[in-house]
Amino acid sequence: MAIGWTDDDAVLDQIQDSINDEVARVRRGVSDGESLLCCEECGAEIPEARRQAIPGARLCISCQEEADKEQKAVQLYNRRGSKDSQLR
């Protein structure tokens, strides 16, 4: 009896690949080094608590919120390949 074109672990491999891609994307967004005193977007002072909590902070809270909104607008790659999921 045929079960399909892929092996039994294909779905798990797709899930793991999606997780690995997302972890890599998040790691690319993390800054290293010293936090800035002023936001590189608007020039506002970055609070001391933020600089201590997030090493390498480059944006103030409001600019970071805007950057996060823009990131959420980017959709992840659909690995399933079904026509219905691609039409959404």
PDB file of N, CA and C in Angstrom:
ATOM      1  N   MET A   1       0.845  -1.177   0.000  1.00  0.00           N
ATOM      2  CA  MET A   1       0.000   0.000   0.000  1.00  0.00           C
ATOM      3  C   MET A   1       0.889   1.239   0.000  1.00  0.00           C
ATOM      4  N   ALA A   2       0.626   2.133  -0.903  1.00  0.00           N
ATOM      5  CA  ALA A   2       1.419   3.362  -1.020  1.00  0.00           C
ATOM      6  C   ALA A   2       0.966   4.362   0.037  1.00  0.00           C
ATOM      7  N   ILE A   3       1.944   5.016   0.677  1.00  0.00           N
ATOM      8  CA  ILE A   3       1.607   6.007   1.698  1.00  0.00           C
ATOM      9  C   ILE A   3       1.870   7.427   1.236  1.00  0.00           C
ATOM     10  N   GLY A   4       2.428   7.593   0.082  1.00  0.00           N
ATOM     11  CA  GLY A   4       2.702   8.932  -0.409  1.00  0.00           C
ATOM     12  C   GLY A   4       4.094   9.033  -0.990  1.00  0.00           C
ATOM     13  N   TRP A   5       4.478  10.264  -1.299  1.00  0.00           N
ATOM     14  CA  TRP A   5       5.764  10.491  -1.956  1.00  0.00           C
ATOM     15  C   TRP A   5       6.906  10.721  -0.991  1.00  0.00           C
ATOM     16  N   THR A   6       6.619  10.866   0.274  1.00  0.00           N
ATOM     17  CA  THR A   6       7.671  11.164   1.242  1.00  0.00           C
ATOM     18  C   THR A   6       7.748  10.084   2.304  1.00  0.00           C
ATOM     19  N   ASP A   7       8.836  10.078   3.031  1.00  0.00           N
ATOM     20  CA  ASP A   7       8.971   9.107   4.115  1.00  0.00           C
ATOM     21  C   ASP A   7       8.177   9.560   5.336  1.00  0.00           C
ATOM     22  N   ASP A   8       8.120   8.706   6.330  1.00  0.00           N
ATOM     23  CA  ASP A   8       7.302   8.974   7.518  1.00  0.00           C
ATOM     24  C   ASP A   8       7.777  10.184   8.308  1.00  0.00           C
ATOM     25  N   ASP A   9       9.041  10.520   8.243  1.00  0.00           N
ATOM     26  CA  ASP A   9       9.590  11.617   9.039  1.00  0.00           C
ATOM     27  C   ASP A   9       9.571  12.956   8.315  1.00  0.00           C
ATOM     28  N   ALA A  10       8.971  13.025   7.143  1.00  0.00           N
ATOM     29  CA  ALA A  10       9.005  14.252   6.349  1.00  0.00           C
ATOM     30  C   ALA A  10       8.342  15.415   7.066  1.00  0.00           C
ATOM     31  N   VAL A  11       7.215  15.189   7.709  1.00  0.00           N
ATOM     32  CA  VAL A  11       6.522  16.269   8.413  1.00  0.00           C
ATOM     33  C   VAL A  11       7.368  16.765   9.567  1.00  0.00           C
ATOM     34  N   LEU A  12       7.964  15.848  10.308  1.00  0.00           N
ATOM     35  CA  LEU A  12       8.838  16.249  11.416  1.00  0.00           C
ATOM     36  C   LEU A  12      10.051  17.021  10.910  1.00  0.00           C
ATOM     37  N   ASP A  13      10.587  16.599   9.775  1.00  0.00           N
ATOM     38  CA  ASP A  13      11.719  17.327   9.183  1.00  0.00           C
ATOM     39  C   ASP A  13      11.312  18.738   8.789  1.00  0.00           C
ATOM     40  N   GLN A  14      10.110  18.911   8.246  1.00  0.00           N
ATOM     41  CA  GLN A  14       9.624  20.236   7.874  1.00  0.00           C
ATOM     42  C   GLN A  14       9.459  21.119   9.094  1.00  0.00           C
ATOM     43  N   ILE A  15       8.910  20.553  10.154  1.00  0.00           N
ATOM     44  CA  ILE A  15       8.737  21.322  11.389  1.00  0.00           C
ATOM     45  C   ILE A  15      10.087  21.738  11.945  1.00  0.00           C
ATOM     46  N   GLN A  16      11.041  20.808  11.993  1.00  0.00           N
ATOM     47  CA  GLN A  16      12.373  21.117  12.528  1.00  0.00           C
ATOM     48  C   GLN A  16      13.074  22.164  11.672  1.00  0.00           C
ATOM     49  N   ASP A  17      12.939  22.077  10.351  1.00  0.00           N
ATOM     50  CA  ASP A  17      13.547  23.073   9.462  1.00  0.00           C
ATOM     51  C   ASP A  17      12.939  24.456   9.690  1.00  0.00           C
ATOM     52  N   SER A  18      11.631  24.512   9.896  1.00  0.00           N
ATOM     53  CA  SER A  18      10.974  25.796  10.171  1.00  0.00           C
ATOM     54  C   SER A  18      11.469  26.393  11.483  1.00  0.00           C
ATOM     55  N   ILE A  19      11.619  25.566  12.491  1.00  0.00           N
ATOM     56  CA  ILE A  19      12.127  26.027  13.791  1.00  0.00           C
ATOM     57  C   ILE A  19      13.555  26.521  13.644  1.00  0.00           C
ATOM     58  N   ASN A  20      14.392  25.766  12.941  1.00  0.00           N
ATOM     59  CA  ASN A  20      15.792  26.175  12.745  1.00  0.00           C
ATOM     60  C   ASN A  20      15.889  27.498  11.994  1.00  0.00           C
ATOM     61  N   ASP A  21      15.044  27.687  10.984  1.00  0.00           N
ATOM     62  CA  ASP A  21      15.037  28.947  10.233  1.00  0.00           C
ATOM     63  C   ASP A  21      14.657  30.121  11.126  1.00  0.00           C
ATOM     64  N   GLU A  22      13.655  29.935  11.980  1.00  0.00           N
ATOM     65  CA  GLU A  22      13.205  31.010  12.855  1.00  0.00           C
ATOM     66  C   GLU A  22      14.266  31.348  13.902  1.00  0.00           C
ATOM     67  N   VAL A  23      14.921  30.339  14.461  1.00  0.00           N
ATOM     68  CA  VAL A  23      15.982  30.585  15.439  1.00  0.00           C
ATOM     69  C   VAL A  23      17.127  31.350  14.779  1.00  0.00           C
ATOM     70  N   ALA A  24      17.477  30.969  13.563  1.00  0.00           N
ATOM     71  CA  ALA A  24      18.544  31.675  12.846  1.00  0.00           C
ATOM     72  C   ALA A  24      18.150  33.128  12.569  1.00  0.00           C
ATOM     73  N   ARG A  25      16.885  33.369  12.216  1.00  0.00           N
ATOM     74  CA  ARG A  25      16.425  34.736  11.960  1.00  0.00           C
ATOM     75  C   ARG A  25      16.508  35.588  13.215  1.00  0.00           C
ATOM     76  N   VAL A  26      16.110  35.027  14.335  1.00  0.00           N
ATOM     77  CA  VAL A  26      16.158  35.767  15.597  1.00  0.00           C
ATOM     78  C   VAL A  26      17.598  36.059  15.981  1.00  0.00           C
ATOM     79  N   ARG A  27      18.476  35.086  15.825  1.00  0.00           N
ATOM     80  CA  ARG A  27      19.898  35.295  16.172  1.00  0.00           C
ATOM     81  C   ARG A  27      20.550  36.364  15.310  1.00  0.00           C
ATOM     82  N   ARG A  28      20.144  36.456  14.044  1.00  0.00           N
ATOM     83  CA  ARG A  28      20.687  37.518  13.172  1.00  0.00           C
ATOM     84  C   ARG A  28      20.284  38.897  13.665  1.00  0.00           C
ATOM     85  N   GLY A  29      19.124  39.001  14.329  1.00  0.00           N
ATOM     86  CA  GLY A  29      18.633  40.286  14.798  1.00  0.00           C
ATOM     87  C   GLY A  29      19.211  40.746  16.114  1.00  0.00           C
ATOM     88  N   VAL A  30      19.932  39.872  16.813  1.00  0.00           N
ATOM     89  CA  VAL A  30      20.491  40.221  18.113  1.00  0.00           C
ATOM     90  C   VAL A  30      21.824  40.932  17.909  1.00  0.00           C
ATOM     91  N   SER A  31      21.934  42.113  18.498  1.00  0.00           N
ATOM     92  CA  SER A  31      23.174  42.887  18.380  1.00  0.00           C
ATOM     93  C   SER A  31      24.186  42.429  19.422  1.00  0.00           C
ATOM     94  N   ASP A  32      25.426  42.602  19.091  1.00  0.00           N
ATOM     95  CA  ASP A  32      26.512  42.302  20.030  1.00  0.00           C
ATOM     96  C   ASP A  32      27.156  43.595  20.471  1.00  0.00           C
ATOM     97  N   GLY A  33      27.879  43.519  21.551  1.00  0.00           N
ATOM     98  CA  GLY A  33      28.671  44.659  21.982  1.00  0.00           C
ATOM     99  C   GLY A  33      27.940  45.612  22.897  1.00  0.00           C
ATOM    100  N   GLU A  34      28.436  46.813  22.917  1.00  0.00           N
ATOM    101  CA  GLU A  34      27.971  47.869  23.810  1.00  0.00           C
ATOM    102  C   GLU A  34      26.650  48.460  23.310  1.00  0.00           C
ATOM    103  N   SER A  35      25.721  48.716  24.229  1.00  0.00           N
ATOM    104  CA  SER A  35      24.469  49.381  23.877  1.00  0.00           C
ATOM    105  C   SER A  35      24.740  50.853  23.580  1.00  0.00           C
ATOM    106  N   LEU A  36      23.948  51.413  22.698  1.00  0.00           N
ATOM    107  CA  LEU A  36      24.062  52.835  22.392  1.00  0.00           C
ATOM    108  C   LEU A  36      23.385  53.667  23.473  1.00  0.00           C
ATOM    109  N   LEU A  37      23.830  54.898  23.650  1.00  0.00           N
ATOM    110  CA  LEU A  37      23.183  55.806  24.588  1.00  0.00           C
ATOM    111  C   LEU A  37      21.938  56.429  23.973  1.00  0.00           C
ATOM    112  N   CYS A  38      21.969  56.628  22.648  1.00  0.00           N
ATOM    113  CA  CYS A  38      20.841  57.232  21.940  1.00  0.00           C
ATOM    114  C   CYS A  38      20.400  56.317  20.803  1.00  0.00           C
ATOM    115  N   CYS A  39      19.124  56.335  20.517  1.00  0.00           N
ATOM    116  CA  CYS A  39      18.523  55.502  19.468  1.00  0.00           C
ATOM    117  C   CYS A  39      19.123  55.875  18.107  1.00  0.00           C
ATOM    118  N   GLU A  40      19.473  54.871  17.329  1.00  0.00           N
ATOM    119  CA  GLU A  40      20.056  55.169  16.015  1.00  0.00           C
ATOM    120  C   GLU A  40      18.997  55.569  14.991  1.00  0.00           C
ATOM    121  N   GLU A  41      17.711  55.396  15.300  1.00  0.00           N
ATOM    122  CA  GLU A  41      16.642  55.811  14.393  1.00  0.00           C
ATOM    123  C   GLU A  41      16.193  57.246  14.659  1.00  0.00           C
ATOM    124  N   CYS A  42      15.799  57.528  15.914  1.00  0.00           N
ATOM    125  CA  CYS A  42      15.201  58.834  16.215  1.00  0.00           C
ATOM    126  C   CYS A  42      16.095  59.736  17.068  1.00  0.00           C
ATOM    127  N   GLY A  43      17.153  59.191  17.650  1.00  0.00           N
ATOM    128  CA  GLY A  43      18.059  60.001  18.458  1.00  0.00           C
ATOM    129  C   GLY A  43      17.650  60.152  19.916  1.00  0.00           C
ATOM    130  N   ALA A  44      16.521  59.563  20.319  1.00  0.00           N
ATOM    131  CA  ALA A  44      16.075  59.651  21.718  1.00  0.00           C
ATOM    132  C   ALA A  44      16.997  58.827  22.611  1.00  0.00           C
ATOM    133  N   GLU A  45      17.084  59.215  23.866  1.00  0.00           N
ATOM    134  CA  GLU A  45      17.927  58.493  24.811  1.00  0.00           C
ATOM    135  C   GLU A  45      17.349  57.110  25.092  1.00  0.00           C
ATOM    136  N   ILE A  46      18.207  56.108  25.091  1.00  0.00           N
ATOM    137  CA  ILE A  46      17.804  54.750  25.456  1.00  0.00           C
ATOM    138  C   ILE A  46      17.922  54.632  26.966  1.00  0.00           C
ATOM    139  N   PRO A  47      16.838  54.261  27.667  1.00  0.00           N
ATOM    140  CA  PRO A  47      16.883  54.183  29.134  1.00  0.00           C
ATOM    141  C   PRO A  47      17.963  53.217  29.629  1.00  0.00           C
ATOM    142  N   GLU A  48      18.557  53.558  30.763  1.00  0.00           N
ATOM    143  CA  GLU A  48      19.621  52.741  31.354  1.00  0.00           C
ATOM    144  C   GLU A  48      19.153  51.310  31.596  1.00  0.00           C
ATOM    145  N   ALA A  49      17.920  51.144  32.085  1.00  0.00           N
ATOM    146  CA  ALA A  49      17.406  49.796  32.364  1.00  0.00           C
ATOM    147  C   ALA A  49      17.366  48.959  31.083  1.00  0.00           C
ATOM    148  N   ARG A  50      16.990  49.567  29.968  1.00  0.00           N
ATOM    149  CA  ARG A  50      16.957  48.841  28.693  1.00  0.00           C
ATOM    150  C   ARG A  50      18.362  48.473  28.247  1.00  0.00           C
ATOM    151  N   ARG A  51      19.300  49.389  28.398  1.00  0.00           N
ATOM    152  CA  ARG A  51      20.681  49.118  27.996  1.00  0.00           C
ATOM    153  C   ARG A  51      21.278  47.980  28.810  1.00  0.00           C
ATOM    154  N   GLN A  52      20.921  47.884  30.092  1.00  0.00           N
ATOM    155  CA  GLN A  52      21.436  46.800  30.929  1.00  0.00           C
ATOM    156  C   GLN A  52      20.728  45.475  30.630  1.00  0.00           C
ATOM    157  N   ALA A  53      19.415  45.549  30.369  1.00  0.00           N
ATOM    158  CA  ALA A  53      18.644  44.329  30.133  1.00  0.00           C
ATOM    159  C   ALA A  53      18.935  43.708  28.762  1.00  0.00           C
ATOM    160  N   ILE A  54      19.220  44.556  27.770  1.00  0.00           N
ATOM    161  CA  ILE A  54      19.445  44.082  26.403  1.00  0.00           C
ATOM    162  C   ILE A  54      20.810  44.562  25.925  1.00  0.00           C
ATOM    163  N   PRO A  55      21.844  43.759  26.140  1.00  0.00           N
ATOM    164  CA  PRO A  55      23.173  44.157  25.663  1.00  0.00           C
ATOM    165  C   PRO A  55      23.155  44.364  24.148  1.00  0.00           C
ATOM    166  N   GLY A  56      23.731  45.436  23.711  1.00  0.00           N
ATOM    167  CA  GLY A  56      23.770  45.751  22.287  1.00  0.00           C
ATOM    168  C   GLY A  56      22.525  46.459  21.781  1.00  0.00           C
ATOM    169  N   ALA A  57      21.695  46.995  22.688  1.00  0.00           N
ATOM    170  CA  ALA A  57      20.477  47.698  22.269  1.00  0.00           C
ATOM    171  C   ALA A  57      20.844  48.890  21.394  1.00  0.00           C
ATOM    172  N   ARG A  58      20.161  49.013  20.255  1.00  0.00           N
ATOM    173  CA  ARG A  58      20.463  50.083  19.321  1.00  0.00           C
ATOM    174  C   ARG A  58      19.271  51.001  19.088  1.00  0.00           C
ATOM    175  N   LEU A  59      18.078  50.558  19.541  1.00  0.00           N
ATOM    176  CA  LEU A  59      16.861  51.332  19.320  1.00  0.00           C
ATOM    177  C   LEU A  59      16.161  51.609  20.644  1.00  0.00           C
ATOM    178  N   CYS A  60      15.452  52.745  20.707  1.00  0.00           N
ATOM    179  CA  CYS A  60      14.625  53.032  21.877  1.00  0.00           C
ATOM    180  C   CYS A  60      13.402  52.109  21.838  1.00  0.00           C
ATOM    181  N   ILE A  61      12.611  52.133  22.868  1.00  0.00           N
ATOM    182  CA  ILE A  61      11.484  51.213  22.968  1.00  0.00           C
ATOM    183  C   ILE A  61      10.481  51.430  21.843  1.00  0.00           C
ATOM    184  N   SER A  62      10.121  52.674  21.559  1.00  0.00           N
ATOM    185  CA  SER A  62       9.115  52.922  20.520  1.00  0.00           C
ATOM    186  C   SER A  62       9.622  52.528  19.132  1.00  0.00           C
ATOM    187  N   CYS A  63      10.873  52.823  18.832  1.00  0.00           N
ATOM    188  CA  CYS A  63      11.421  52.432  17.530  1.00  0.00           C
ATOM    189  C   CYS A  63      11.545  50.914  17.426  1.00  0.00           C
ATOM    190  N   GLN A  64      11.879  50.249  18.527  1.00  0.00           N
ATOM    191  CA  GLN A  64      11.968  48.790  18.528  1.00  0.00           C
ATOM    192  C   GLN A  64      10.593  48.169  18.288  1.00  0.00           C
ATOM    193  N   GLU A  65       9.547  48.768  18.882  1.00  0.00           N
ATOM    194  CA  GLU A  65       8.190  48.270  18.652  1.00  0.00           C
ATOM    195  C   GLU A  65       7.815  48.372  17.179  1.00  0.00           C
ATOM    196  N   GLU A  66       8.174  49.459  16.534  1.00  0.00           N
ATOM    197  CA  GLU A  66       7.901  49.625  15.103  1.00  0.00           C
ATOM    198  C   GLU A  66       8.673  48.598  14.278  1.00  0.00           C
ATOM    199  N   ALA A  67       9.928  48.385  14.634  1.00  0.00           N
ATOM    200  CA  ALA A  67      10.740  47.398  13.912  1.00  0.00           C
ATOM    201  C   ALA A  67      10.160  45.997  14.085  1.00  0.00           C
ATOM    202  N   ASP A  68       9.649  45.695  15.279  1.00  0.00           N
ATOM    203  CA  ASP A  68       9.038  44.388  15.518  1.00  0.00           C
ATOM    204  C   ASP A  68       7.771  44.209  14.700  1.00  0.00           C
ATOM    205  N   LYS A  69       6.977  45.267  14.556  1.00  0.00           N
ATOM    206  CA  LYS A  69       5.762  45.199  13.743  1.00  0.00           C
ATOM    207  C   LYS A  69       6.113  44.900  12.288  1.00  0.00           C
ATOM    208  N   GLU A  70       7.156  45.530  11.800  1.00  0.00           N
ATOM    209  CA  GLU A  70       7.580  45.300  10.420  1.00  0.00           C
ATOM    210  C   GLU A  70       8.055  43.866  10.234  1.00  0.00           C
ATOM    211  N   GLN A  71       8.747  43.320  11.234  1.00  0.00           N
ATOM    212  CA  GLN A  71       9.224  41.940  11.156  1.00  0.00           C
ATOM    213  C   GLN A  71       8.065  40.961  11.119  1.00  0.00           C
ATOM    214  N   LYS A  72       6.996  41.253  11.891  1.00  0.00           N
ATOM    215  CA  LYS A  72       5.843  40.352  11.921  1.00  0.00           C
ATOM    216  C   LYS A  72       5.124  40.335  10.585  1.00  0.00           C
ATOM    217  N   ALA A  73       5.260  41.394   9.819  1.00  0.00           N
ATOM    218  CA  ALA A  73       4.604  41.451   8.517  1.00  0.00           C
ATOM    219  C   ALA A  73       5.229  40.471   7.530  1.00  0.00           C
ATOM    220  N   VAL A  74       6.466  40.070   7.779  1.00  0.00           N
ATOM    221  CA  VAL A  74       7.154  39.119   6.906  1.00  0.00           C
ATOM    222  C   VAL A  74       6.662  37.718   7.257  1.00  0.00           C
ATOM    223  N   GLN A  75       6.146  37.010   6.273  1.00  0.00           N
ATOM    224  CA  GLN A  75       5.638  35.659   6.496  1.00  0.00           C
ATOM    225  C   GLN A  75       6.765  34.644   6.330  1.00  0.00           C
ATOM    226  N   LEU A  76       6.649  33.562   7.067  1.00  0.00           N
ATOM    227  CA  LEU A  76       7.612  32.475   6.937  1.00  0.00           C
ATOM    228  C   LEU A  76       7.355  31.706   5.649  1.00  0.00           C
ATOM    229  N   TYR A  77       8.372  31.077   5.155  1.00  0.00           N
ATOM    230  CA  TYR A  77       8.277  30.264   3.959  1.00  0.00           C
ATOM    231  C   TYR A  77       7.384  29.057   4.236  1.00  0.00           C
ATOM    232  N   ASN A  78       6.445  28.797   3.344  1.00  0.00           N
ATOM    233  CA  ASN A  78       5.529  27.665   3.484  1.00  0.00           C
ATOM    234  C   ASN A  78       6.193  26.419   2.921  1.00  0.00           C
ATOM    235  N   ARG A  79       6.580  25.501   3.784  1.00  0.00           N
ATOM    236  CA  ARG A  79       7.271  24.294   3.353  1.00  0.00           C
ATOM    237  C   ARG A  79       6.314  23.189   2.914  1.00  0.00           C
ATOM    238  N   ARG A  80       5.044  23.326   3.201  1.00  0.00           N
ATOM    239  CA  ARG A  80       4.100  22.246   2.899  1.00  0.00           C
ATOM    240  C   ARG A  80       3.884  22.098   1.408  1.00  0.00           C
ATOM    241  N   GLY A  81       3.857  23.190   0.692  1.00  0.00           N
ATOM    242  CA  GLY A  81       3.761  23.114  -0.755  1.00  0.00           C
ATOM    243  C   GLY A  81       2.375  22.803  -1.284  1.00  0.00           C
ATOM    244  N   SER A  82       1.349  22.771  -0.445  1.00  0.00           N
ATOM    245  CA  SER A  82       0.016  22.508  -0.962  1.00  0.00           C
ATOM    246  C   SER A  82      -0.536  23.771  -1.604  1.00  0.00           C
ATOM    247  N   LYS A  83      -1.302  23.587  -2.645  1.00  0.00           N
ATOM    248  CA  LYS A  83      -1.843  24.725  -3.374  1.00  0.00           C
ATOM    249  C   LYS A  83      -2.753  25.571  -2.484  1.00  0.00           C
ATOM    250  N   ASP A  84      -3.578  24.921  -1.652  1.00  0.00           N
ATOM    251  CA  ASP A  84      -4.496  25.668  -0.793  1.00  0.00           C
ATOM    252  C   ASP A  84      -3.759  26.557   0.194  1.00  0.00           C
ATOM    253  N   SER A  85      -2.683  26.058   0.787  1.00  0.00           N
ATOM    254  CA  SER A  85      -1.964  26.879   1.772  1.00  0.00           C
ATOM    255  C   SER A  85      -1.209  28.012   1.094  1.00  0.00           C
ATOM    256  N   GLN A  86      -0.836  27.859  -0.161  1.00  0.00           N
ATOM    257  CA  GLN A  86      -0.125  28.913  -0.871  1.00  0.00           C
ATOM    258  C   GLN A  86      -1.065  30.027  -1.307  1.00  0.00           C
ATOM    259  N   LEU A  87      -2.343  29.735  -1.433  1.00  0.00           N
ATOM    260  CA  LEU A  87      -3.311  30.743  -1.865  1.00  0.00           C
ATOM    261  C   LEU A  87      -3.739  31.664  -0.748  1.00  0.00           C
ATOM    262  N   ARG A  88      -3.449  31.329   0.499  1.00  0.00           N
ATOM    263  CA  ARG A  88      -3.859  32.158   1.631  1.00  0.00           C
ATOM    264  C   ARG A  88      -3.035  33.402   1.733  1.00  0.00           C
TER     265      ARG A  88
END
